[in-house]
Amino acid sequence: MRCDEEAWPIRKKDNYIEEILRQRYKRLRTLWRNAQPRLTADGLPETPNEIEARLVERKEKLGKESRQATRRCNVRILSSAWISLLKSYLPRNIVAGKWFLTTSSP
């Protein structure tokens, strides 16, 4: 193995390293392809400023979608945590949807 030959501090198999490099180059290829000039409505290729604006807009859109999805997951987790907490502190009748106290009147 290459890590043995070069005395790497962390030992990994060669196919693991090849897979990491393959994934990295795949992401770079995607990035490179997205950065290529496209034809405008006039039939002319985009200028570098138009390419940059398109890429920034796409990145902001993906970031917004990612933040919204993450917030939805966090709110869902937080809501379930609050429900569990309430169930542990409130009387059983309130949690079950019966909003009355079960105290007997004298």
PDB file of N, CA and C in Angstrom:
ATOM      1  N   MET A   1       0.832  -1.180   0.000  1.00  0.00           N
ATOM      2  CA  MET A   1       0.000   0.000   0.000  1.00  0.00           C
ATOM      3  C   MET A   1       0.877   1.243   0.000  1.00  0.00           C
ATOM      4  N   ARG A   2       0.335   2.259  -0.611  1.00  0.00           N
ATOM      5  CA  ARG A   2       1.088   3.495  -0.750  1.00  0.00           C
ATOM      6  C   ARG A   2       1.350   4.156   0.603  1.00  0.00           C
ATOM      7  N   CYS A   3       0.396   4.054   1.533  1.00  0.00           N
ATOM      8  CA  CYS A   3       0.584   4.694   2.838  1.00  0.00           C
ATOM      9  C   CYS A   3       1.739   4.047   3.599  1.00  0.00           C
ATOM     10  N   ASP A   4       1.993   2.758   3.361  1.00  0.00           N
ATOM     11  CA  ASP A   4       3.131   2.102   3.999  1.00  0.00           C
ATOM     12  C   ASP A   4       4.445   2.567   3.377  1.00  0.00           C
ATOM     13  N   GLU A   5       4.447   2.709   2.051  1.00  0.00           N
ATOM     14  CA  GLU A   5       5.661   3.131   1.338  1.00  0.00           C
ATOM     15  C   GLU A   5       6.075   4.553   1.715  1.00  0.00           C
ATOM     16  N   GLU A   6       5.090   5.440   1.888  1.00  0.00           N
ATOM     17  CA  GLU A   6       5.387   6.846   2.148  1.00  0.00           C
ATOM     18  C   GLU A   6       5.275   7.215   3.628  1.00  0.00           C
ATOM     19  N   ALA A   7       5.016   6.252   4.482  1.00  0.00           N
ATOM     20  CA  ALA A   7       4.928   6.443   5.933  1.00  0.00           C
ATOM     21  C   ALA A   7       3.900   7.506   6.313  1.00  0.00           C
ATOM     22  N   TRP A   8       2.672   7.342   5.830  1.00  0.00           N
ATOM     23  CA  TRP A   8       1.594   8.253   6.170  1.00  0.00           C
ATOM     24  C   TRP A   8       1.195   8.054   7.627  1.00  0.00           C
ATOM     25  N   PRO A   9       0.771   9.110   8.306  1.00  0.00           N
ATOM     26  CA  PRO A   9       0.357   8.947   9.704  1.00  0.00           C
ATOM     27  C   PRO A   9      -0.950   8.151   9.847  1.00  0.00           C
ATOM     28  N   ILE A  10      -1.812   8.215   8.831  1.00  0.00           N
ATOM     29  CA  ILE A  10      -3.077   7.474   8.862  1.00  0.00           C
ATOM     30  C   ILE A  10      -3.037   6.439   7.745  1.00  0.00           C
ATOM     31  N   ARG A  11      -3.338   5.220   8.068  1.00  0.00           N
ATOM     32  CA  ARG A  11      -3.275   4.145   7.087  1.00  0.00           C
ATOM     33  C   ARG A  11      -4.643   3.953   6.426  1.00  0.00           C
ATOM     34  N   LYS A  12      -4.679   4.120   5.130  1.00  0.00           N
ATOM     35  CA  LYS A  12      -5.889   3.917   4.337  1.00  0.00           C
ATOM     36  C   LYS A  12      -5.533   3.082   3.121  1.00  0.00           C
ATOM     37  N   LYS A  13      -6.498   2.316   2.643  1.00  0.00           N
ATOM     38  CA  LYS A  13      -6.268   1.501   1.448  1.00  0.00           C
ATOM     39  C   LYS A  13      -6.216   2.397   0.216  1.00  0.00           C
ATOM     40  N   ASP A  14      -5.528   1.918  -0.805  1.00  0.00           N
ATOM     41  CA  ASP A  14      -5.378   2.710  -2.029  1.00  0.00           C
ATOM     42  C   ASP A  14      -6.720   2.961  -2.709  1.00  0.00           C
ATOM     43  N   ASN A  15      -7.620   1.977  -2.706  1.00  0.00           N
ATOM     44  CA  ASN A  15      -8.903   2.181  -3.379  1.00  0.00           C
ATOM     45  C   ASN A  15      -9.754   3.233  -2.661  1.00  0.00           C
ATOM     46  N   TYR A  16      -9.570   3.395  -1.359  1.00  0.00           N
ATOM     47  CA  TYR A  16     -10.268   4.440  -0.607  1.00  0.00           C
ATOM     48  C   TYR A  16      -9.802   5.816  -1.089  1.00  0.00           C
ATOM     49  N   ILE A  17      -8.511   5.973  -1.237  1.00  0.00           N
ATOM     50  CA  ILE A  17      -7.940   7.256  -1.680  1.00  0.00           C
ATOM     51  C   ILE A  17      -8.352   7.538  -3.124  1.00  0.00           C
ATOM     52  N   GLU A  18      -8.361   6.513  -3.955  1.00  0.00           N
ATOM     53  CA  GLU A  18      -8.788   6.691  -5.345  1.00  0.00           C
ATOM     54  C   GLU A  18     -10.244   7.133  -5.409  1.00  0.00           C
ATOM     55  N   GLU A  19     -11.079   6.565  -4.562  1.00  0.00           N
ATOM     56  CA  GLU A  19     -12.497   6.942  -4.550  1.00  0.00           C
ATOM     57  C   GLU A  19     -12.676   8.393  -4.112  1.00  0.00           C
ATOM     58  N   ILE A  20     -11.920   8.831  -3.131  1.00  0.00           N
ATOM     59  CA  ILE A  20     -11.991  10.234  -2.692  1.00  0.00           C
ATOM     60  C   ILE A  20     -11.578  11.164  -3.832  1.00  0.00           C
ATOM     61  N   LEU A  21     -10.489  10.816  -4.511  1.00  0.00           N
ATOM     62  CA  LEU A  21     -10.037  11.649  -5.637  1.00  0.00           C
ATOM     63  C   LEU A  21     -11.061  11.648  -6.769  1.00  0.00           C
ATOM     64  N   ARG A  22     -11.656  10.505  -7.038  1.00  0.00           N
ATOM     65  CA  ARG A  22     -12.659  10.405  -8.100  1.00  0.00           C
ATOM     66  C   ARG A  22     -13.855  11.303  -7.776  1.00  0.00           C
ATOM     67  N   GLN A  23     -14.312  11.292  -6.534  1.00  0.00           N
ATOM     68  CA  GLN A  23     -15.438  12.147  -6.135  1.00  0.00           C
ATOM     69  C   GLN A  23     -15.068  13.621  -6.221  1.00  0.00           C
ATOM     70  N   ARG A  24     -13.858  13.957  -5.819  1.00  0.00           N
ATOM     71  CA  ARG A  24     -13.422  15.356  -5.879  1.00  0.00           C
ATOM     72  C   ARG A  24     -13.381  15.852  -7.326  1.00  0.00           C
ATOM     73  N   TYR A  25     -12.817  15.045  -8.234  1.00  0.00           N
ATOM     74  CA  TYR A  25     -12.757  15.457  -9.631  1.00  0.00           C
ATOM     75  C   TYR A  25     -14.141  15.487 -10.270  1.00  0.00           C
ATOM     76  N   LYS A  26     -15.031  14.643  -9.804  1.00  0.00           N
ATOM     77  CA  LYS A  26     -16.397  14.673 -10.314  1.00  0.00           C
ATOM     78  C   LYS A  26     -17.065  15.999  -9.942  1.00  0.00           C
ATOM     79  N   ARG A  27     -16.864  16.450  -8.687  1.00  0.00           N
ATOM     80  CA  ARG A  27     -17.413  17.746  -8.268  1.00  0.00           C
ATOM     81  C   ARG A  27     -16.766  18.890  -9.050  1.00  0.00           C
ATOM     82  N   LEU A  28     -15.452  18.805  -9.268  1.00  0.00           N
ATOM     83  CA  LEU A  28     -14.769  19.849 -10.039  1.00  0.00           C
ATOM     84  C   LEU A  28     -15.273  19.900 -11.474  1.00  0.00           C
ATOM     85  N   ARG A  29     -15.523  18.737 -12.059  1.00  0.00           N
ATOM     86  CA  ARG A  29     -16.034  18.678 -13.433  1.00  0.00           C
ATOM     87  C   ARG A  29     -17.396  19.351 -13.500  1.00  0.00           C
ATOM     88  N   THR A  30     -18.245  19.083 -12.512  1.00  0.00           N
ATOM     89  CA  THR A  30     -19.568  19.707 -12.475  1.00  0.00           C
ATOM     90  C   THR A  30     -19.445  21.221 -12.343  1.00  0.00           C
ATOM     91  N   LEU A  31     -18.571  21.656 -11.476  1.00  0.00           N
ATOM     92  CA  LEU A  31     -18.353  23.088 -11.297  1.00  0.00           C
ATOM     93  C   LEU A  31     -17.836  23.729 -12.580  1.00  0.00           C
ATOM     94  N   TRP A  32     -16.895  23.073 -13.234  1.00  0.00           N
ATOM     95  CA  TRP A  32     -16.319  23.598 -14.471  1.00  0.00           C
ATOM     96  C   TRP A  32     -17.387  23.685 -15.562  1.00  0.00           C
ATOM     97  N   ARG A  33     -18.206  22.645 -15.674  1.00  0.00           N
ATOM     98  CA  ARG A  33     -19.247  22.642 -16.710  1.00  0.00           C
ATOM     99  C   ARG A  33     -20.282  23.731 -16.470  1.00  0.00           C
ATOM    100  N   ASN A  34     -20.630  23.967 -15.200  1.00  0.00           N
ATOM    101  CA  ASN A  34     -21.599  25.025 -14.898  1.00  0.00           C
ATOM    102  C   ASN A  34     -21.027  26.410 -15.185  1.00  0.00           C
ATOM    103  N   ALA A  35     -19.705  26.543 -15.142  1.00  0.00           N
ATOM    104  CA  ALA A  35     -19.070  27.842 -15.357  1.00  0.00           C
ATOM    105  C   ALA A  35     -18.790  28.135 -16.833  1.00  0.00           C
ATOM    106  N   GLN A  36     -19.144  27.215 -17.715  1.00  0.00           N
ATOM    107  CA  GLN A  36     -18.927  27.457 -19.143  1.00  0.00           C
ATOM    108  C   GLN A  36     -19.959  28.459 -19.667  1.00  0.00           C
ATOM    109  N   PRO A  37     -19.559  29.317 -20.620  1.00  0.00           N
ATOM    110  CA  PRO A  37     -20.500  30.318 -21.145  1.00  0.00           C
ATOM    111  C   PRO A  37     -21.664  29.646 -21.884  1.00  0.00           C
ATOM    112  N   ARG A  38     -22.841  30.162 -21.652  1.00  0.00           N
ATOM    113  CA  ARG A  38     -24.040  29.686 -22.334  1.00  0.00           C
ATOM    114  C   ARG A  38     -24.478  30.744 -23.330  1.00  0.00           C
ATOM    115  N   LEU A  39     -25.334  30.335 -24.239  1.00  0.00           N
ATOM    116  CA  LEU A  39     -25.830  31.288 -25.225  1.00  0.00           C
ATOM    117  C   LEU A  39     -26.942  32.125 -24.619  1.00  0.00           C
ATOM    118  N   THR A  40     -26.903  33.421 -24.894  1.00  0.00           N
ATOM    119  CA  THR A  40     -27.949  34.322 -24.410  1.00  0.00           C
ATOM    120  C   THR A  40     -29.133  34.266 -25.370  1.00  0.00           C
ATOM    121  N   ALA A  41     -30.164  35.042 -25.085  1.00  0.00           N
ATOM    122  CA  ALA A  41     -31.352  35.095 -25.948  1.00  0.00           C
ATOM    123  C   ALA A  41     -31.006  35.632 -27.334  1.00  0.00           C
ATOM    124  N   ASP A  42     -29.922  36.436 -27.409  1.00  0.00           N
ATOM    125  CA  ASP A  42     -29.494  37.002 -28.696  1.00  0.00           C
ATOM    126  C   ASP A  42     -28.693  36.010 -29.519  1.00  0.00           C
ATOM    127  N   GLY A  43     -28.341  34.887 -28.947  1.00  0.00           N
ATOM    128  CA  GLY A  43     -27.529  33.898 -29.654  1.00  0.00           C
ATOM    129  C   GLY A  43     -26.034  34.117 -29.462  1.00  0.00           C
ATOM    130  N   LEU A  44     -25.656  35.026 -28.595  1.00  0.00           N
ATOM    131  CA  LEU A  44     -24.247  35.305 -28.312  1.00  0.00           C
ATOM    132  C   LEU A  44     -23.845  34.621 -27.015  1.00  0.00           C
ATOM    133  N   PRO A  45     -22.568  34.267 -26.869  1.00  0.00           N
ATOM    134  CA  PRO A  45     -22.130  33.668 -25.598  1.00  0.00           C
ATOM    135  C   PRO A  45     -22.143  34.699 -24.471  1.00  0.00           C
ATOM    136  N   GLU A  46     -22.314  34.204 -23.249  1.00  0.00           N
ATOM    137  CA  GLU A  46     -22.343  35.084 -22.086  1.00  0.00           C
ATOM    138  C   GLU A  46     -20.986  35.740 -21.870  1.00  0.00           C
ATOM    139  N   THR A  47     -21.027  36.936 -21.307  1.00  0.00           N
ATOM    140  CA  THR A  47     -19.793  37.608 -20.913  1.00  0.00           C
ATOM    141  C   THR A  47     -19.366  37.050 -19.549  1.00  0.00           C
ATOM    142  N   PRO A  48     -18.108  37.252 -19.164  1.00  0.00           N
ATOM    143  CA  PRO A  48     -17.671  36.774 -17.840  1.00  0.00           C
ATOM    144  C   PRO A  48     -18.512  37.338 -16.685  1.00  0.00           C
ATOM    145  N   ASN A  49     -18.960  38.583 -16.797  1.00  0.00           N
ATOM    146  CA  ASN A  49     -19.807  39.163 -15.739  1.00  0.00           C
ATOM    147  C   ASN A  49     -21.157  38.454 -15.660  1.00  0.00           C
ATOM    148  N   GLU A  50     -21.721  38.099 -16.810  1.00  0.00           N
ATOM    149  CA  GLU A  50     -22.999  37.387 -16.826  1.00  0.00           C
ATOM    150  C   GLU A  50     -22.845  35.982 -16.244  1.00  0.00           C
ATOM    151  N   ILE A  51     -21.726  35.339 -16.558  1.00  0.00           N
ATOM    152  CA  ILE A  51     -21.463  34.008 -16.005  1.00  0.00           C
ATOM    153  C   ILE A  51     -21.369  34.084 -14.489  1.00  0.00           C
ATOM    154  N   GLU A  52     -20.628  35.075 -14.005  1.00  0.00           N
ATOM    155  CA  GLU A  52     -20.463  35.234 -12.560  1.00  0.00           C
ATOM    156  C   GLU A  52     -21.808  35.507 -11.886  1.00  0.00           C
ATOM    157  N   ALA A  53     -22.616  36.370 -12.496  1.00  0.00           N
ATOM    158  CA  ALA A  53     -23.927  36.684 -11.925  1.00  0.00           C
ATOM    159  C   ALA A  53     -24.806  35.433 -11.884  1.00  0.00           C
ATOM    160  N   ARG A  54     -24.760  34.627 -12.935  1.00  0.00           N
ATOM    161  CA  ARG A  54     -25.558  33.397 -12.983  1.00  0.00           C
ATOM    162  C   ARG A  54     -25.115  32.418 -11.901  1.00  0.00           C
ATOM    163  N   LEU A  55     -23.809  32.265 -11.730  1.00  0.00           N
ATOM    164  CA  LEU A  55     -23.293  31.340 -10.724  1.00  0.00           C
ATOM    165  C   LEU A  55     -23.599  31.811  -9.301  1.00  0.00           C
ATOM    166  N   VAL A  56     -23.473  33.115  -9.060  1.00  0.00           N
ATOM    167  CA  VAL A  56     -23.777  33.661  -7.729  1.00  0.00           C
ATOM    168  C   VAL A  56     -25.262  33.487  -7.423  1.00  0.00           C
ATOM    169  N   GLU A  57     -26.105  33.750  -8.409  1.00  0.00           N
ATOM    170  CA  GLU A  57     -27.548  33.596  -8.217  1.00  0.00           C
ATOM    171  C   GLU A  57     -27.909  32.136  -7.907  1.00  0.00           C
ATOM    172  N   ARG A  58     -27.286  31.214  -8.619  1.00  0.00           N
ATOM    173  CA  ARG A  58     -27.545  29.789  -8.388  1.00  0.00           C
ATOM    174  C   ARG A  58     -27.071  29.376  -6.993  1.00  0.00           C
ATOM    175  N   LYS A  59     -25.907  29.859  -6.594  1.00  0.00           N
ATOM    176  CA  LYS A  59     -25.373  29.522  -5.271  1.00  0.00           C
ATOM    177  C   LYS A  59     -26.279  30.062  -4.169  1.00  0.00           C
ATOM    178  N   GLU A  60     -26.768  31.298  -4.326  1.00  0.00           N
ATOM    179  CA  GLU A  60     -27.667  31.875  -3.327  1.00  0.00           C
ATOM    180  C   GLU A  60     -28.981  31.107  -3.257  1.00  0.00           C
ATOM    181  N   LYS A  61     -29.482  30.697  -4.418  1.00  0.00           N
ATOM    182  CA  LYS A  61     -30.725  29.935  -4.454  1.00  0.00           C
ATOM    183  C   LYS A  61     -30.552  28.588  -3.748  1.00  0.00           C
ATOM    184  N   LEU A  62     -29.454  27.894  -4.029  1.00  0.00           N
ATOM    185  CA  LEU A  62     -29.202  26.616  -3.373  1.00  0.00           C
ATOM    186  C   LEU A  62     -28.990  26.784  -1.870  1.00  0.00           C
ATOM    187  N   GLY A  63     -28.320  27.860  -1.478  1.00  0.00           N
ATOM    188  CA  GLY A  63     -28.110  28.130  -0.059  1.00  0.00           C
ATOM    189  C   GLY A  63     -29.419  28.385   0.665  1.00  0.00           C
ATOM    190  N   LYS A  64     -30.309  29.143   0.024  1.00  0.00           N
ATOM    191  CA  LYS A  64     -31.608  29.432   0.627  1.00  0.00           C
ATOM    192  C   LYS A  64     -32.414  28.153   0.780  1.00  0.00           C
ATOM    193  N   GLU A  65     -32.429  27.314  -0.257  1.00  0.00           N
ATOM    194  CA  GLU A  65     -33.157  26.047  -0.179  1.00  0.00           C
ATOM    195  C   GLU A  65     -32.582  25.157   0.915  1.00  0.00           C
ATOM    196  N   SER A  66     -31.275  25.147   1.021  1.00  0.00           N
ATOM    197  CA  SER A  66     -30.624  24.320   2.040  1.00  0.00           C
ATOM    198  C   SER A  66     -30.967  24.818   3.443  1.00  0.00           C
ATOM    199  N   ARG A  67     -30.936  26.126   3.639  1.00  0.00           N
ATOM    200  CA  ARG A  67     -31.263  26.685   4.957  1.00  0.00           C
ATOM    201  C   ARG A  67     -32.713  26.396   5.330  1.00  0.00           C
ATOM    202  N   GLN A  68     -33.621  26.493   4.354  1.00  0.00           N
ATOM    203  CA  GLN A  68     -35.026  26.216   4.636  1.00  0.00           C
ATOM    204  C   GLN A  68     -35.224  24.751   5.001  1.00  0.00           C
ATOM    205  N   ALA A  69     -34.565  23.855   4.271  1.00  0.00           N
ATOM    206  CA  ALA A  69     -34.687  22.427   4.563  1.00  0.00           C
ATOM    207  C   ALA A  69     -34.102  22.107   5.935  1.00  0.00           C
ATOM    208  N   THR A  70     -32.979  22.727   6.268  1.00  0.00           N
ATOM    209  CA  THR A  70     -32.360  22.501   7.572  1.00  0.00           C
ATOM    210  C   THR A  70     -33.260  23.035   8.675  1.00  0.00           C
ATOM    211  N   ARG A  71     -33.858  24.196   8.452  1.00  0.00           N
ATOM    212  CA  ARG A  71     -34.746  24.758   9.464  1.00  0.00           C
ATOM    213  C   ARG A  71     -35.942  23.855   9.673  1.00  0.00           C
ATOM    214  N   ARG A  72     -36.497  23.313   8.597  1.00  0.00           N
ATOM    215  CA  ARG A  72     -37.640  22.417   8.734  1.00  0.00           C
ATOM    216  C   ARG A  72     -37.265  21.207   9.575  1.00  0.00           C
ATOM    217  N   CYS A  73     -36.094  20.652   9.331  1.00  0.00           N
ATOM    218  CA  CYS A  73     -35.640  19.499  10.123  1.00  0.00           C
ATOM    219  C   CYS A  73     -35.457  19.898  11.576  1.00  0.00           C
ATOM    220  N   ASN A  74     -34.842  21.040  11.819  1.00  0.00           N
ATOM    221  CA  ASN A  74     -34.595  21.483  13.187  1.00  0.00           C
ATOM    222  C   ASN A  74     -35.892  21.778  13.924  1.00  0.00           C
ATOM    223  N   VAL A  75     -36.853  22.406  13.239  1.00  0.00           N
ATOM    224  CA  VAL A  75     -38.135  22.710  13.866  1.00  0.00           C
ATOM    225  C   VAL A  75     -38.856  21.410  14.198  1.00  0.00           C
ATOM    226  N   ARG A  76     -38.794  20.444  13.298  1.00  0.00           N
ATOM    227  CA  ARG A  76     -39.440  19.154  13.535  1.00  0.00           C
ATOM    228  C   ARG A  76     -38.815  18.459  14.748  1.00  0.00           C
ATOM    229  N   ILE A  77     -37.500  18.483  14.831  1.00  0.00           N
ATOM    230  CA  ILE A  77     -36.805  17.865  15.965  1.00  0.00           C
ATOM    231  C   ILE A  77     -37.122  18.618  17.242  1.00  0.00           C
ATOM    232  N   LEU A  78     -37.101  19.949  17.172  1.00  0.00           N
ATOM    233  CA  LEU A  78     -37.386  20.764  18.342  1.00  0.00           C
ATOM    234  C   LEU A  78     -38.816  20.535  18.807  1.00  0.00           C
ATOM    235  N   SER A  79     -39.767  20.469  17.869  1.00  0.00           N
ATOM    236  CA  SER A  79     -41.161  20.244  18.233  1.00  0.00           C
ATOM    237  C   SER A  79     -41.330  18.907  18.933  1.00  0.00           C
ATOM    238  N   SER A  80     -40.707  17.855  18.410  1.00  0.00           N
ATOM    239  CA  SER A  80     -40.840  16.545  19.042  1.00  0.00           C
ATOM    240  C   SER A  80     -40.176  16.539  20.416  1.00  0.00           C
ATOM    241  N   ALA A  81     -39.092  17.289  20.573  1.00  0.00           N
ATOM    242  CA  ALA A  81     -38.443  17.374  21.881  1.00  0.00           C
ATOM    243  C   ALA A  81     -39.342  18.092  22.878  1.00  0.00           C
ATOM    244  N   TRP A  82     -40.010  19.174  22.437  1.00  0.00           N
ATOM    245  CA  TRP A  82     -40.922  19.895  23.324  1.00  0.00           C
ATOM    246  C   TRP A  82     -42.107  19.029  23.707  1.00  0.00           C
ATOM    247  N   ILE A  83     -42.621  18.275  22.774  1.00  0.00           N
ATOM    248  CA  ILE A  83     -43.755  17.394  23.070  1.00  0.00           C
ATOM    249  C   ILE A  83     -43.351  16.360  24.109  1.00  0.00           C
ATOM    250  N   SER A  84     -42.182  15.779  23.949  1.00  0.00           N
ATOM    251  CA  SER A  84     -41.703  14.800  24.927  1.00  0.00           C
ATOM    252  C   SER A  84     -41.535  15.444  26.297  1.00  0.00           C
ATOM    253  N   LEU A  85     -41.003  16.659  26.315  1.00  0.00           N
ATOM    254  CA  LEU A  85     -40.813  17.364  27.581  1.00  0.00           C
ATOM    255  C   LEU A  85     -42.151  17.659  28.246  1.00  0.00           C
ATOM    256  N   LEU A  86     -43.121  18.141  27.463  1.00  0.00           N
ATOM    257  CA  LEU A  86     -44.438  18.433  28.015  1.00  0.00           C
ATOM    258  C   LEU A  86     -45.102  17.173  28.557  1.00  0.00           C
ATOM    259  N   LYS A  87     -44.974  16.073  27.831  1.00  0.00           N
ATOM    260  CA  LYS A  87     -45.579  14.817  28.279  1.00  0.00           C
ATOM    261  C   LYS A  87     -45.011  14.368  29.617  1.00  0.00           C
ATOM    262  N   SER A  88     -43.760  14.667  29.848  1.00  0.00           N
ATOM    263  CA  SER A  88     -43.148  14.230  31.092  1.00  0.00           C
ATOM    264  C   SER A  88     -43.553  15.116  32.277  1.00  0.00           C
ATOM    265  N   TYR A  89     -43.949  16.379  32.028  1.00  0.00           N
ATOM    266  CA  TYR A  89     -44.268  17.289  33.121  1.00  0.00           C
ATOM    267  C   TYR A  89     -45.762  17.499  33.345  1.00  0.00           C
ATOM    268  N   LEU A  90     -46.573  17.380  32.321  1.00  0.00           N
ATOM    269  CA  LEU A  90     -47.998  17.663  32.465  1.00  0.00           C
ATOM    270  C   LEU A  90     -48.762  16.411  32.890  1.00  0.00           C
ATOM    271  N   PRO A  91     -49.907  16.604  33.514  1.00  0.00           N
ATOM    272  CA  PRO A  91     -50.734  15.442  33.859  1.00  0.00           C
ATOM    273  C   PRO A  91     -51.199  14.716  32.607  1.00  0.00           C
ATOM    274  N   ARG A  92     -51.476  13.456  32.762  1.00  0.00           N
ATOM    275  CA  ARG A  92     -51.804  12.605  31.623  1.00  0.00           C
ATOM    276  C   ARG A  92     -53.045  13.086  30.869  1.00  0.00           C
ATOM    277  N   ASN A  93     -54.052  13.591  31.548  1.00  0.00           N
ATOM    278  CA  ASN A  93     -55.292  14.015  30.891  1.00  0.00           C
ATOM    279  C   ASN A  93     -55.080  15.195  29.949  1.00  0.00           C
ATOM    280  N   ILE A  94     -54.177  16.093  30.312  1.00  0.00           N
ATOM    281  CA  ILE A  94     -53.933  17.260  29.467  1.00  0.00           C
ATOM    282  C   ILE A  94     -53.209  16.835  28.197  1.00  0.00           C
ATOM    283  N   VAL A  95     -52.242  15.951  28.317  1.00  0.00           N
ATOM    284  CA  VAL A  95     -51.478  15.515  27.156  1.00  0.00           C
ATOM    285  C   VAL A  95     -52.355  14.728  26.201  1.00  0.00           C
ATOM    286  N   ALA A  96     -53.312  13.977  26.727  1.00  0.00           N
ATOM    287  CA  ALA A  96     -54.184  13.158  25.889  1.00  0.00           C
ATOM    288  C   ALA A  96     -55.241  13.985  25.180  1.00  0.00           C
ATOM    289  N   GLY A  97     -55.296  15.271  25.451  1.00  0.00           N
ATOM    290  CA  GLY A  97     -56.260  16.121  24.773  1.00  0.00           C
ATOM    291  C   GLY A  97     -57.457  16.447  25.635  1.00  0.00           C
ATOM    292  N   LYS A  98     -57.521  15.938  26.846  1.00  0.00           N
ATOM    293  CA  LYS A  98     -58.615  16.247  27.759  1.00  0.00           C
ATOM    294  C   LYS A  98     -58.140  17.414  28.625  1.00  0.00           C
ATOM    295  N   TRP A  99     -58.669  18.576  28.366  1.00  0.00           N
ATOM    296  CA  TRP A  99     -58.183  19.789  29.018  1.00  0.00           C
ATOM    297  C   TRP A  99     -58.958  20.092  30.298  1.00  0.00           C
ATOM    298  N   PHE A 100     -59.165  19.107  31.106  1.00  0.00           N
ATOM    299  CA  PHE A 100     -59.806  19.348  32.383  1.00  0.00           C
ATOM    300  C   PHE A 100     -59.033  18.613  33.460  1.00  0.00           C
ATOM    301  N   LEU A 101     -59.140  19.082  34.637  1.00  0.00           N
ATOM    302  CA  LEU A 101     -58.445  18.457  35.747  1.00  0.00           C
ATOM    303  C   LEU A 101     -59.306  17.339  36.330  1.00  0.00           C
ATOM    304  N   THR A 102     -58.665  16.329  36.811  1.00  0.00           N
ATOM    305  CA  THR A 102     -59.389  15.179  37.343  1.00  0.00           C
ATOM    306  C   THR A 102     -59.430  15.202  38.861  1.00  0.00           C
ATOM    307  N   THR A 103     -59.580  16.385  39.400  1.00  0.00           N
ATOM    308  CA  THR A 103     -59.678  16.456  40.864  1.00  0.00           C
ATOM    309  C   THR A 103     -61.142  16.244  41.244  1.00  0.00           C
ATOM    310  N   SER A 104     -61.332  15.514  42.259  1.00  0.00           N
ATOM    311  CA  SER A 104     -62.708  15.265  42.692  1.00  0.00           C
ATOM    312  C   SER A 104     -63.173  16.423  43.564  1.00  0.00           C
ATOM    313  N   SER A 105     -64.380  16.866  43.340  1.00  0.00           N
ATOM    314  CA  SER A 105     -64.908  17.979  44.117  1.00  0.00           C
ATOM    315  C   SER A 105     -65.509  17.438  45.413  1.00  0.00           C
ATOM    316  N   PRO A 106     -65.386  18.166  46.521  1.00  0.00           N
ATOM    317  CA  PRO A 106     -65.912  17.677  47.812  1.00  0.00           C
ATOM    318  C   PRO A 106     -67.403  17.694  47.907  1.00  0.00           C
TER     319      PRO A 106
END
